Protein backbone atom coordinates (compact mmCIF):
# COMPACT_ATOMS: atom_id res chain seq x y z
CA MET A 1 -9.53 37.85 54.67
CA PRO A 2 -9.24 41.58 55.43
CA ALA A 3 -10.53 42.88 58.76
CA PHE A 4 -13.89 44.62 58.58
CA GLN A 5 -16.67 46.09 60.69
CA PHE A 6 -20.41 45.81 60.07
CA ARG A 7 -23.29 47.80 61.53
CA THR A 8 -27.03 47.87 60.93
CA VAL A 9 -30.37 48.58 62.58
CA PRO A 10 -30.76 46.34 65.67
CA HIS A 11 -34.42 45.35 65.13
CA LEU A 12 -36.27 44.66 61.89
CA ILE A 13 -39.90 43.65 61.40
CA VAL A 14 -40.70 42.32 57.91
CA GLU A 15 -44.42 41.65 57.72
CA PRO A 16 -47.31 42.80 55.51
CA GLY A 17 -49.77 44.63 57.73
CA ALA A 18 -47.21 45.44 60.44
CA ALA A 19 -47.68 49.21 59.98
CA ALA A 20 -51.23 48.91 61.31
CA GLN A 21 -49.68 47.62 64.56
CA LEU A 22 -47.16 50.47 64.79
CA GLY A 23 -48.52 51.70 68.12
CA ALA A 24 -48.16 48.26 69.72
CA HIS A 25 -44.62 47.86 68.36
CA ILE A 26 -43.55 51.25 69.71
CA ALA A 27 -45.24 50.64 73.07
CA HIS A 28 -43.30 47.37 73.32
CA HIS A 29 -39.92 48.90 72.45
CA PHE A 30 -40.38 52.31 74.11
CA PRO A 31 -42.94 51.83 76.90
CA THR A 32 -42.47 55.31 78.40
CA VAL A 33 -43.02 57.28 75.15
CA ARG A 34 -46.23 59.33 75.09
CA ARG A 35 -45.55 61.92 72.34
CA ALA A 36 -44.23 61.24 68.83
CA LEU A 37 -43.67 63.13 65.59
CA LEU A 38 -44.52 61.33 62.36
CA VAL A 39 -42.46 62.64 59.42
CA THR A 40 -43.93 62.17 55.94
CA ASP A 41 -44.91 64.04 52.79
CA ALA A 42 -48.27 65.52 51.82
CA GLY A 43 -48.65 63.18 48.82
CA PHE A 44 -48.33 60.06 50.93
CA LEU A 45 -50.67 61.49 53.55
CA ARG A 46 -53.32 61.96 50.84
CA THR A 47 -53.23 58.25 49.95
CA GLY A 48 -54.80 57.39 53.30
CA LEU A 49 -52.13 54.75 53.95
CA ALA A 50 -50.96 56.66 57.04
CA ASP A 51 -54.40 56.42 58.67
CA ALA A 52 -54.02 52.90 60.13
CA PRO A 53 -50.56 53.54 61.63
CA LEU A 54 -51.77 56.84 63.13
CA HIS A 55 -54.86 55.17 64.57
CA SER A 56 -52.72 52.44 66.14
CA LEU A 57 -50.46 55.04 67.75
CA ARG A 58 -53.38 56.87 69.30
CA THR A 59 -54.91 53.59 70.45
CA ALA A 60 -51.60 52.84 72.20
CA GLY A 61 -51.82 56.15 74.03
CA ILE A 62 -49.13 57.87 71.98
CA ASP A 63 -50.07 61.45 71.06
CA THR A 64 -48.75 61.80 67.51
CA HIS A 65 -48.18 65.03 65.61
CA VAL A 66 -47.76 64.85 61.85
CA PHE A 67 -45.07 66.80 59.98
CA SER A 68 -45.95 66.42 56.29
CA ASP A 69 -43.85 69.16 54.65
CA VAL A 70 -41.14 66.83 53.33
CA GLN A 71 -40.36 67.18 49.63
CA ALA A 72 -37.99 65.36 47.29
CA ASP A 73 -34.35 66.37 47.77
CA PRO A 74 -35.28 68.11 51.04
CA PRO A 75 -33.64 71.49 51.68
CA GLU A 76 -32.24 72.53 55.04
CA ALA A 77 -35.31 74.67 55.75
CA ILE A 78 -37.55 71.57 55.75
CA VAL A 79 -35.32 69.79 58.26
CA LEU A 80 -35.27 72.84 60.52
CA ALA A 81 -39.05 73.25 60.30
CA GLY A 82 -39.44 69.64 61.42
CA VAL A 83 -37.07 70.20 64.33
CA ALA A 84 -39.05 73.27 65.39
CA GLN A 85 -42.33 71.33 65.32
CA ALA A 86 -40.82 68.44 67.29
CA ARG A 87 -39.58 70.83 69.97
CA MET A 88 -42.87 72.73 70.09
CA PHE A 89 -44.77 69.54 70.93
CA HIS A 90 -42.01 68.16 73.22
CA VAL A 91 -41.97 64.86 71.33
CA GLU A 92 -40.02 61.91 72.68
CA LEU A 93 -39.75 59.76 69.53
CA ILE A 94 -39.48 60.31 65.76
CA ILE A 95 -41.19 58.14 63.13
CA GLY A 96 -40.19 58.30 59.47
CA LEU A 97 -42.98 57.17 57.10
CA GLY A 98 -42.28 57.64 53.41
CA GLY A 99 -39.63 57.46 50.75
CA GLY A 100 -35.96 58.17 51.26
CA SER A 101 -36.46 61.90 51.73
CA SER A 102 -38.91 61.45 54.63
CA LEU A 103 -36.67 58.85 56.27
CA ASP A 104 -33.60 61.08 55.90
CA VAL A 105 -35.42 64.08 57.38
CA ALA A 106 -36.64 61.92 60.28
CA LYS A 107 -33.04 60.90 61.05
CA LEU A 108 -31.86 64.49 61.18
CA ILE A 109 -34.80 65.67 63.30
CA ALA A 110 -34.06 62.88 65.79
CA VAL A 111 -30.43 64.02 66.01
CA LEU A 112 -31.10 67.77 66.15
CA VAL A 113 -34.04 68.01 68.59
CA PRO A 114 -31.92 67.46 71.75
CA GLY A 115 -29.99 70.61 70.80
CA HIS A 116 -26.41 69.32 70.93
CA GLN A 117 -25.47 70.65 67.47
CA GLU A 118 -26.56 72.80 64.54
CA LEU A 119 -27.34 71.17 61.18
CA ALA A 120 -24.30 72.70 59.47
CA GLN A 121 -22.03 70.99 62.01
CA LEU A 122 -23.27 67.53 61.03
CA TYR A 123 -22.16 67.42 57.38
CA GLY A 124 -19.44 64.92 56.53
CA ILE A 125 -18.48 61.63 58.12
CA GLY A 126 -18.66 61.02 61.86
CA ASN A 127 -19.58 64.56 62.92
CA VAL A 128 -22.70 63.74 64.98
CA HIS A 129 -22.20 63.92 68.75
CA GLY A 130 -24.48 63.16 71.66
CA GLN A 131 -27.70 61.18 71.94
CA ARG A 132 -30.64 61.45 69.54
CA LEU A 133 -34.33 60.78 70.13
CA PRO A 134 -35.56 57.22 69.55
CA LEU A 135 -36.15 56.61 65.83
CA VAL A 136 -38.51 54.23 63.99
CA GLN A 137 -38.52 54.00 60.17
CA LEU A 138 -41.19 52.67 57.78
CA PRO A 139 -40.29 52.84 54.07
CA THR A 140 -43.06 53.35 51.51
CA THR A 141 -40.86 52.81 48.45
CA ALA A 142 -38.60 49.87 47.61
CA GLY A 143 -35.54 51.87 46.69
CA THR A 144 -33.35 53.92 48.97
CA GLY A 145 -32.87 51.45 51.82
CA SER A 146 -32.69 54.56 54.02
CA GLU A 147 -34.51 52.71 56.81
CA VAL A 148 -31.29 50.75 57.48
CA THR A 149 -28.58 53.26 56.52
CA HIS A 150 -26.66 55.80 58.58
CA ILE A 151 -26.75 58.41 55.84
CA ALA A 152 -28.98 61.45 55.25
CA ILE A 153 -28.78 63.71 52.20
CA VAL A 154 -29.77 67.39 52.34
CA THR A 155 -30.02 70.01 49.59
CA THR A 156 -27.84 72.85 50.90
CA GLY A 157 -28.14 75.47 48.15
CA ALA A 158 -29.91 75.92 44.86
CA THR A 159 -28.43 72.68 43.53
CA SER A 160 -25.79 71.33 45.90
CA LYS A 161 -26.28 68.38 48.24
CA MET A 162 -24.45 67.44 51.42
CA GLY A 163 -24.42 64.17 53.31
CA VAL A 164 -24.49 63.39 57.02
CA VAL A 165 -22.89 60.02 57.70
CA ALA A 166 -22.80 58.83 61.31
CA PRO A 167 -23.76 55.71 63.28
CA GLN A 168 -26.33 57.72 65.30
CA LEU A 169 -28.47 57.82 62.12
CA TYR A 170 -29.19 54.10 62.29
CA ALA A 171 -32.79 53.67 63.45
CA ASP A 172 -33.77 51.70 66.55
CA LEU A 173 -36.48 49.84 64.64
CA ALA A 174 -37.36 49.45 60.95
CA ILE A 175 -40.70 48.05 59.82
CA LEU A 176 -41.04 46.70 56.27
CA ASP A 177 -44.73 46.46 55.37
CA ALA A 178 -45.28 46.05 51.63
CA SER A 179 -48.91 47.12 51.91
CA LEU A 180 -47.52 50.67 52.24
CA THR A 181 -46.05 50.38 48.71
CA LEU A 182 -49.13 49.09 46.87
CA GLY A 183 -50.09 52.53 45.60
CA LEU A 184 -46.77 53.32 43.94
CA PRO A 185 -47.13 54.17 40.22
CA PRO A 186 -45.13 52.01 37.77
CA ALA A 187 -42.64 54.78 36.97
CA VAL A 188 -41.82 55.32 40.64
CA THR A 189 -41.66 51.56 41.25
CA ALA A 190 -39.21 51.24 38.35
CA ALA A 191 -36.94 54.14 39.28
CA THR A 192 -36.77 53.26 42.98
CA GLY A 193 -36.27 49.58 42.17
CA ILE A 194 -33.37 50.31 39.84
CA ASP A 195 -31.94 52.62 42.51
CA ALA A 196 -31.91 49.64 44.90
CA MET A 197 -30.23 47.47 42.26
CA VAL A 198 -27.56 50.16 41.86
CA HIS A 199 -26.99 50.04 45.62
CA ALA A 200 -26.41 46.29 45.41
CA ILE A 201 -24.10 46.50 42.38
CA GLU A 202 -22.02 49.36 43.78
CA ALA A 203 -21.74 47.77 47.23
CA TYR A 204 -20.52 44.53 45.65
CA THR A 205 -17.80 46.41 43.75
CA SER A 206 -16.98 49.07 46.38
CA ARG A 207 -13.20 49.59 46.40
CA LEU A 208 -12.39 50.13 50.07
CA LEU A 209 -14.91 48.51 52.43
CA LYS A 210 -16.39 45.59 50.50
CA ASN A 211 -16.61 42.59 52.83
CA PRO A 212 -18.15 39.10 53.02
CA LEU A 213 -21.33 40.28 54.78
CA SER A 214 -21.95 43.17 52.37
CA ASP A 215 -21.30 40.82 49.43
CA MET A 216 -23.85 38.31 50.73
CA LEU A 217 -26.46 41.00 51.26
CA ALA A 218 -25.83 42.65 47.90
CA SER A 219 -26.08 39.32 46.09
CA GLN A 220 -29.38 38.39 47.74
CA ALA A 221 -30.71 41.90 47.17
CA LEU A 222 -29.92 41.77 43.45
CA SER A 223 -31.55 38.35 43.20
CA LEU A 224 -34.80 39.54 44.79
CA LEU A 225 -34.91 42.84 42.94
CA SER A 226 -34.12 41.52 39.46
CA ALA A 227 -36.67 38.70 39.82
CA ASN A 228 -39.53 40.91 41.02
CA LEU A 229 -39.15 44.42 39.59
CA LEU A 230 -41.05 43.88 36.35
CA THR A 231 -43.87 42.06 38.13
CA ALA A 232 -44.21 44.92 40.62
CA CYS A 233 -44.27 47.44 37.76
CA ARG A 234 -46.89 45.54 35.74
CA ASP A 235 -49.12 44.61 38.69
CA GLY A 236 -48.75 47.12 41.49
CA SER A 237 -51.16 45.16 43.72
CA HIS A 238 -49.00 42.00 43.65
CA LEU A 239 -48.16 41.83 47.36
CA PRO A 240 -45.53 39.02 47.19
CA ALA A 241 -43.57 40.94 44.52
CA ARG A 242 -43.90 44.15 46.52
CA GLN A 243 -42.65 42.44 49.70
CA ALA A 244 -39.72 40.92 47.80
CA MET A 245 -38.83 44.35 46.41
CA LEU A 246 -39.01 45.93 49.87
CA LEU A 247 -36.80 43.21 51.35
CA GLY A 248 -34.36 43.47 48.45
CA ALA A 249 -34.09 47.24 48.84
CA MET A 250 -33.48 46.84 52.58
CA LEU A 251 -30.76 44.21 52.04
CA ALA A 252 -29.11 46.49 49.48
CA GLY A 253 -29.30 49.31 52.03
CA GLN A 254 -27.55 47.17 54.63
CA ALA A 255 -24.90 46.33 52.04
CA PHE A 256 -24.10 49.87 50.92
CA ALA A 257 -24.27 51.29 54.44
CA ASN A 258 -21.16 49.18 55.06
CA ALA A 259 -19.61 49.04 51.57
CA PRO A 260 -20.40 52.49 50.18
CA VAL A 261 -21.69 53.43 46.73
CA ALA A 262 -19.49 55.05 44.14
CA ALA A 263 -19.44 56.72 40.71
CA VAL A 264 -23.01 55.92 39.65
CA HIS A 265 -24.28 57.92 42.62
CA ALA A 266 -21.57 60.57 42.24
CA LEU A 267 -22.71 61.27 38.68
CA ALA A 268 -26.41 60.93 39.53
CA TYR A 269 -26.44 63.57 42.28
CA PRO A 270 -25.77 66.53 39.93
CA ILE A 271 -28.55 65.34 37.60
CA GLY A 272 -30.98 65.45 40.51
CA GLY A 273 -29.61 68.66 41.98
CA LEU A 274 -29.40 70.71 38.79
CA PHE A 275 -32.39 69.32 36.87
CA HIS A 276 -34.66 68.00 39.66
CA VAL A 277 -34.71 64.50 38.23
CA PRO A 278 -35.80 61.90 40.85
CA HIS A 279 -32.81 60.19 42.44
CA GLY A 280 -33.63 56.67 41.27
CA LEU A 281 -34.08 57.80 37.67
CA SER A 282 -30.83 59.79 37.83
CA ASN A 283 -29.01 56.60 38.81
CA ALA A 284 -30.70 54.59 36.07
CA LEU A 285 -29.67 57.11 33.40
CA VAL A 286 -25.93 56.85 34.10
CA LEU A 287 -25.75 53.24 35.34
CA PRO A 288 -24.87 51.37 32.11
CA HIS A 289 -22.31 53.96 31.12
CA VAL A 290 -20.52 53.90 34.49
CA LEU A 291 -20.52 50.09 34.45
CA ARG A 292 -18.98 50.12 30.98
CA PHE A 293 -16.35 52.63 32.16
CA ASN A 294 -15.50 50.35 35.12
CA LEU A 295 -15.13 47.15 33.06
CA SER A 296 -11.33 47.33 32.98
CA HIS A 297 -11.23 47.22 36.79
CA ALA A 298 -14.36 45.30 37.81
CA ALA A 299 -15.23 42.79 35.06
CA PRO A 300 -14.76 39.67 37.28
CA LEU A 301 -17.12 41.10 39.93
CA TYR A 302 -19.68 42.18 37.32
CA ALA A 303 -19.46 38.67 35.86
CA GLN A 304 -20.41 37.22 39.26
CA LEU A 305 -23.41 39.54 39.46
CA ALA A 306 -24.46 38.65 35.91
CA ALA A 307 -24.98 35.07 37.06
CA ILE A 308 -27.53 36.36 39.59
CA VAL A 309 -29.49 38.44 37.08
CA GLN A 310 -29.19 35.82 34.31
CA PRO A 311 -28.77 32.36 35.91
CA GLY A 312 -26.90 29.88 33.75
CA ILE A 313 -24.97 32.52 31.80
CA THR A 314 -21.59 31.35 30.48
CA GLY A 315 -18.57 32.88 28.78
CA SER A 316 -15.55 34.94 29.74
CA ASP A 317 -15.59 37.45 32.58
CA GLU A 318 -15.79 40.28 30.07
CA ALA A 319 -18.64 38.67 28.16
CA ARG A 320 -20.64 38.04 31.32
CA ALA A 321 -19.89 41.55 32.61
CA ASN A 322 -21.22 42.99 29.37
CA ALA A 323 -24.27 40.75 29.75
CA LEU A 324 -24.94 42.38 33.14
CA ILE A 325 -24.89 45.82 31.49
CA ASP A 326 -27.21 44.59 28.74
CA ALA A 327 -29.57 43.04 31.30
CA MET A 328 -29.79 46.27 33.32
CA GLN A 329 -30.53 48.23 30.14
CA ALA A 330 -33.19 45.69 29.17
CA ILE A 331 -34.84 46.01 32.59
CA ALA A 332 -34.88 49.80 32.31
CA SER A 333 -36.31 49.57 28.80
CA ALA A 334 -39.03 47.13 29.85
CA THR A 335 -40.19 49.44 32.64
CA GLY A 336 -40.63 52.35 30.24
CA ILE A 337 -38.59 54.91 32.23
CA ALA A 338 -36.46 57.56 30.48
CA ARG A 339 -33.27 56.14 29.01
CA THR A 340 -31.27 59.22 27.99
CA LEU A 341 -30.32 62.55 29.57
CA ARG A 342 -32.01 64.39 26.70
CA GLU A 343 -35.32 62.86 27.72
CA VAL A 344 -35.13 64.64 31.08
CA GLY A 345 -34.20 68.02 29.60
CA ILE A 346 -30.39 67.87 29.64
CA ALA A 347 -28.47 69.20 26.61
CA ALA A 348 -24.88 68.86 25.43
CA SER A 349 -24.23 72.38 26.73
CA ASP A 350 -24.95 71.15 30.27
CA LEU A 351 -22.30 68.43 30.35
CA ASP A 352 -19.40 70.58 31.58
CA ARG A 353 -21.43 71.85 34.52
CA LEU A 354 -22.52 68.30 35.36
CA ALA A 355 -18.92 67.07 35.23
CA ASP A 356 -17.75 69.90 37.50
CA GLU A 357 -20.45 69.09 40.04
CA ALA A 358 -19.74 65.34 39.90
CA MET A 359 -16.09 65.88 40.78
CA LEU A 360 -17.17 67.46 44.07
CA GLN A 361 -18.56 64.08 45.19
CA THR A 362 -15.20 62.95 46.54
CA ARG A 363 -16.80 60.81 49.31
CA LEU A 364 -18.36 58.63 46.61
CA LEU A 365 -15.73 58.72 43.88
CA GLY A 366 -13.12 57.30 46.24
CA ASN A 367 -15.15 54.07 46.44
CA ASN A 368 -15.21 53.47 42.68
CA PRO A 369 -13.22 50.50 41.38
CA ARG A 370 -11.64 52.73 38.73
CA PRO A 371 -10.41 56.31 39.35
CA VAL A 372 -12.64 58.94 37.70
CA THR A 373 -11.21 62.16 36.27
CA ARG A 374 -13.23 65.17 35.17
CA SER A 375 -12.78 64.21 31.53
CA ASP A 376 -13.96 60.68 32.38
CA ALA A 377 -17.08 62.08 34.05
CA ARG A 378 -17.84 64.30 31.08
CA ALA A 379 -17.39 61.37 28.67
CA ILE A 380 -19.80 59.23 30.74
CA TYR A 381 -22.41 62.01 30.65
CA ALA A 382 -21.87 62.38 26.89
CA ALA A 383 -22.45 58.65 26.44
CA ALA A 384 -25.68 58.95 28.45
CA LEU A 385 -26.96 61.92 26.46
């Protein structure tokens, strides 16, 4: 067995209704904290689902300021605005409440507020230095797994994205309360759920850092997600399905934080950056085509995953691997999300630009089971068109 290391968030609370006790949980873990910044987006704030957590914080004697300017694919200016607000109110703790973008912004605010570094100095792997503020994360989508990852993605130009990867980005506490996800529309449930399934699949087949713990987590994640996604899409108020999805997404997050994602994400990022397609949907659009491309190098692993998605499946490794691809396409079809790049406004004339951008994602491409050239990337996009 190869040597490996494994890291994750030290404390998890998985409980429907736990968000309404947020103040008590924070008072227990951080008894001296009196001022916090809650990082979210305006759309989630409008749902009213933040009211109970905010009330519990104030009841616990924690003066909480709300930063609700987060948007999808957050640009640097949003992160810096959050840092400025946190410093203005002299906050002592950061709370992320939202989808992956809010959780990522919360991580970076927690790191930047003490003033050790500028944002531009953080990009890359292992470039965060010094202590951050205490950090608590509450996901409101079952997708990114950001509440248990040490990664934050920022939009750095008109279309380009950069990642910050450092152990300081792991939260101190993550709270998984499925009642926060009950209002998600079916399309968002589908795209974020497939995003989580991609995390599990890519972690399980990651070339360099795949390990027994990440394999176990990815397998369990895929089992929960594949068994509950369609139920959560069809009946958004089904709390057991929602809790299973949230747990599955978190397990997949723990897996890929330690066994990183690869070409599906590398090819998805330019779709999101250039055409403002939501991240989960971008992944779903290229997933079957990247899996097919990887068959020559990963068929035995895909065959193992096929048995999770379709219990009792038989046949050769290649046949079962192809069955996994078919099953993922069937799930996407059943949810009603877009299936082709053309459906999200991408034309054949855009493929060269997409391929050029994808090749810049060297951090991700190095994890893919099969090497990816520019011509390979363009061919995958063409197949997805």
